[in-house]
Structure formats: C-alpha cells, structure tokens
Amino acid sequence: MSVSRRVTMGVGLLVAGSVALAACGSNATTSASSGSGGSASPTLRAQKVGSLGSVLVNSSGMTLYFLKGETAGNIRCTGSCATQWPPLTVAAGVEPTAASGVPGQVGTTQRPDGTLQVTYDGKPLYTFVGDSGAGQATGQGVANFFAATVNGSSGSSGSQSGSSSGYYP
C-alpha cells in the first residue's frame, strides 16, 4: 500500500473516531440545569434526608422544593425569588425522568422567561441556595417552600392520607 493511501486511510479513521467521540460527548453533556442529571440519569430520584424522610432530589442529590400554592399554570417565583430558589429546568426537547421509587407524574411547564421547569404532580420544583451539599434541606418551611416528598408528607407534619406526593404540609 502506498504512503499516500495509508495517510488517507489514517485521516479517515481519525475523523471517524473524532465524530464518534463527539457524539458520545454530546450525550454526556446533555443535562438539565440546577445540577440535575443528563438524559442517561433520572432528573428526579428519592433520597432520605434527615427527619424529612424520602424527599425528591436532583441527580446531584440536592433537595427539591415546591412553593406552597404555586402550580404549573401559575409560576410565582421569578426574579429575586428565582435567584434564591433556582428552578429545576431542562433544555428544550429534554424529557425529565424519575427513578424507580418515585411514583408521581414528572413533567415540565414553561416559565415566564421561556425556560422549561420540571414539575412533579403539577408542582414546579426548585433547589435552594442555602443548601450547600447533598442531603441538606435548610429551605424546609422557609418562605412557604417545602421539601417535595414521595411518601405523602412535606416533612413538617406527618403523612397526608390518600396523597401520592408531599406538597401539602
């Protein structure tokens, strides 16, 4: 085989390998904001957090909260509120998912700024800037925000019978 033929084949293999690696890299970097997971890992999962029991967390283990009285059709946490309580969002075209053990309905709603916020049983979800690491829930009960639980309680006053998620303290 001639040298020019080997160089051409080598360049072709290099380009094909680069394209394959780029494709793998793009899957790995497709992710939801606020520290949530990419398309390969669930957006929401359940984790025991202190005395609150099993709460919803993002893929980084950060506790997820809901604002009492807020619904997907009525986003009230905007501006400085959203700075303290960053919405859990996903990129357009990304479907949020829940890990096994999370029985509620996962979806999205469009925020006033046009981003897509993740919802659980119709409630928009947020993280809290006061939580510095996984397993914390320092935002529990602050400014009408409560940790979203998967066992029917908000973690503030026990279980709510007949409810599959903990949005009502």
Protein backbone atom coordinates (compact mmCIF):
# COMPACT_ATOMS: atom_id res chain seq x y z
CA MET A 1 0.00 0.00 0.00
CA SER A 2 1.38 3.42 -0.92
CA VAL A 3 2.23 6.05 1.69
CA SER A 4 -0.46 8.45 0.37
CA ARG A 5 -3.08 5.68 0.59
CA ARG A 6 -2.10 4.92 4.20
CA VAL A 7 -2.22 8.61 5.13
CA THR A 8 -5.67 8.98 3.55
CA MET A 9 -6.95 5.92 5.43
CA GLY A 10 -5.38 7.16 8.67
CA VAL A 11 -7.02 10.58 8.30
CA GLY A 12 -10.35 8.91 7.55
CA LEU A 13 -10.11 6.75 10.66
CA LEU A 14 -9.09 9.77 12.75
CA VAL A 15 -12.10 11.75 11.51
CA ALA A 16 -14.48 8.82 12.10
CA GLY A 17 -13.10 8.33 15.61
CA SER A 18 -13.45 12.04 16.38
CA VAL A 19 -17.06 12.03 15.18
CA ALA A 20 -17.84 9.00 17.35
CA LEU A 21 -16.22 10.59 20.40
CA ALA A 22 -18.04 13.86 19.79
CA ALA A 23 -21.34 12.01 19.63
CA CYS A 24 -20.59 10.31 22.95
CA GLY A 25 -19.57 13.61 24.46
CA SER A 26 -22.76 15.33 23.38
CA ASN A 27 -24.87 12.71 25.14
CA ALA A 28 -22.85 13.09 28.30
CA THR A 29 -23.24 16.87 28.36
CA THR A 30 -26.96 17.00 27.62
CA SER A 31 -28.29 17.90 31.04
CA ALA A 32 -30.90 19.77 32.96
CA SER A 33 -29.87 22.92 34.78
CA SER A 34 -29.67 23.44 38.53
CA GLY A 35 -27.40 20.43 38.75
CA SER A 36 -29.88 17.89 37.52
CA GLY A 37 -28.86 14.86 35.51
CA GLY A 38 -28.50 14.30 31.81
CA SER A 39 -30.54 12.12 29.56
CA ALA A 40 -28.83 8.94 30.85
CA SER A 41 -29.68 9.53 34.51
CA PRO A 42 -33.05 10.35 36.06
CA THR A 43 -33.87 14.02 36.59
CA LEU A 44 -35.57 13.14 39.89
CA ARG A 45 -34.87 10.49 42.44
CA ALA A 46 -35.80 9.80 46.05
CA GLN A 47 -33.33 10.07 48.91
CA LYS A 48 -33.68 10.01 52.69
CA VAL A 49 -32.92 13.47 54.07
CA GLY A 50 -32.80 13.74 57.86
CA SER A 51 -36.14 13.67 59.67
CA LEU A 52 -37.99 14.56 56.46
CA GLY A 53 -37.82 11.00 55.21
CA SER A 54 -37.74 10.27 51.50
CA VAL A 55 -37.60 13.51 49.51
CA LEU A 56 -37.13 14.32 45.86
CA VAL A 57 -33.59 15.22 44.88
CA ASN A 58 -31.92 16.10 41.60
CA SER A 59 -29.15 13.94 40.14
CA SER A 60 -26.61 15.73 42.36
CA GLY A 61 -28.57 14.79 45.48
CA MET A 62 -29.75 18.34 46.14
CA THR A 63 -33.16 18.53 47.84
CA LEU A 64 -36.01 19.73 45.64
CA TYR A 65 -38.67 22.07 46.96
CA PHE A 66 -42.08 23.36 45.88
CA LEU A 67 -43.70 26.71 46.69
CA LYS A 68 -46.99 26.21 48.54
CA GLY A 69 -49.87 27.41 46.36
CA GLU A 70 -47.84 27.55 43.14
CA THR A 71 -48.93 25.43 40.18
CA ALA A 72 -47.55 24.77 36.72
CA GLY A 73 -50.02 27.29 35.30
CA ASN A 74 -49.24 29.91 37.94
CA ILE A 75 -45.48 30.44 38.37
CA ARG A 76 -44.97 32.92 41.21
CA CYS A 77 -41.25 32.50 41.97
CA THR A 78 -39.48 34.78 39.50
CA GLY A 79 -36.82 37.49 39.72
CA SER A 80 -35.04 37.61 43.08
CA CYS A 81 -37.10 34.66 44.31
CA ALA A 82 -35.69 32.51 41.49
CA THR A 83 -32.19 33.66 42.47
CA GLN A 84 -32.64 32.23 45.98
CA TRP A 85 -34.74 29.29 44.77
CA PRO A 86 -33.26 28.28 41.39
CA PRO A 87 -35.88 26.47 39.28
CA LEU A 88 -35.04 22.94 38.19
CA THR A 89 -35.08 23.31 34.41
CA VAL A 90 -34.37 21.18 31.37
CA ALA A 91 -33.32 22.15 27.88
CA ALA A 92 -35.94 22.24 25.15
CA GLY A 93 -36.53 18.73 23.84
CA VAL A 94 -35.27 17.02 27.01
CA GLU A 95 -37.88 14.96 28.83
CA PRO A 96 -37.37 14.82 32.59
CA THR A 97 -37.47 11.36 34.11
CA ALA A 98 -37.92 9.82 37.54
CA ALA A 99 -36.03 6.94 39.07
CA SER A 100 -37.87 3.87 40.30
CA GLY A 101 -39.45 4.56 43.66
CA VAL A 102 -40.73 7.96 42.55
CA PRO A 103 -44.44 7.30 41.94
CA GLY A 104 -45.66 10.75 40.89
CA GLN A 105 -46.10 12.36 37.48
CA VAL A 106 -43.00 14.14 36.13
CA GLY A 107 -43.42 16.86 33.51
CA THR A 108 -42.50 20.41 32.56
CA THR A 109 -44.08 23.84 32.45
CA GLN A 110 -42.94 26.94 30.66
CA ARG A 111 -41.68 29.70 32.95
CA PRO A 112 -42.34 33.37 32.19
CA ASP A 113 -38.75 33.66 30.87
CA GLY A 114 -39.39 30.84 28.39
CA THR A 115 -37.35 28.12 30.12
CA LEU A 116 -38.87 24.71 30.86
CA GLN A 117 -39.22 23.96 34.56
CA VAL A 118 -39.53 20.40 35.85
CA THR A 119 -42.76 19.61 37.68
CA TYR A 120 -43.79 16.76 39.95
CA ASP A 121 -47.51 16.08 40.16
CA GLY A 122 -48.06 19.51 38.58
CA LYS A 123 -45.90 21.42 41.09
CA PRO A 124 -42.83 23.31 39.83
CA LEU A 125 -39.59 22.23 41.54
CA TYR A 126 -36.73 24.32 42.91
CA THR A 127 -33.41 23.91 44.69
CA PHE A 128 -32.33 26.30 47.47
CA VAL A 129 -29.10 28.31 47.52
CA GLY A 130 -28.85 27.76 51.28
CA ASP A 131 -28.28 24.03 50.73
CA SER A 132 -24.53 23.72 50.26
CA GLY A 133 -24.50 19.98 49.62
CA ALA A 134 -26.44 16.83 49.01
CA GLY A 135 -28.65 15.63 51.83
CA GLN A 136 -29.43 19.08 53.22
CA ALA A 137 -32.89 20.64 53.49
CA THR A 138 -32.24 24.05 55.06
CA GLY A 139 -35.03 25.55 52.95
CA GLN A 140 -37.73 23.43 54.62
CA GLY A 141 -40.55 25.81 55.64
CA VAL A 142 -38.71 28.94 54.52
CA ALA A 143 -40.91 31.49 52.69
CA ASN A 144 -43.61 28.85 52.05
CA PHE A 145 -41.19 26.44 50.35
CA PHE A 146 -41.28 22.80 51.41
CA ALA A 147 -39.23 19.75 50.51
CA ALA A 148 -41.09 17.64 47.96
CA THR A 149 -41.52 14.16 49.36
CA VAL A 150 -42.54 10.92 47.73
CA ASN A 151 -44.38 9.39 50.68
CA GLY A 152 -47.27 11.82 51.08
CA SER A 153 -45.76 14.21 53.61
CA SER A 154 -43.97 17.51 53.37
CA GLY A 155 -41.78 16.54 56.26
CA SER A 156 -43.39 19.14 58.52
CA SER A 157 -46.43 17.42 59.97
CA GLY A 158 -46.64 13.75 59.04
CA SER A 159 -48.39 11.93 56.25
CA GLN A 160 -51.34 13.05 54.22
CA SER A 161 -53.63 10.10 53.63
CA GLY A 162 -54.59 9.40 50.06
CA SER A 163 -51.86 11.60 48.60
CA SER A 164 -49.03 10.21 46.50
CA SER A 165 -46.73 13.21 46.93
CA GLY A 166 -45.93 15.64 49.68
CA TYR A 167 -46.97 19.05 48.53
CA TYR A 168 -49.38 19.94 51.29
CA PRO A 169 -47.92 20.49 54.75
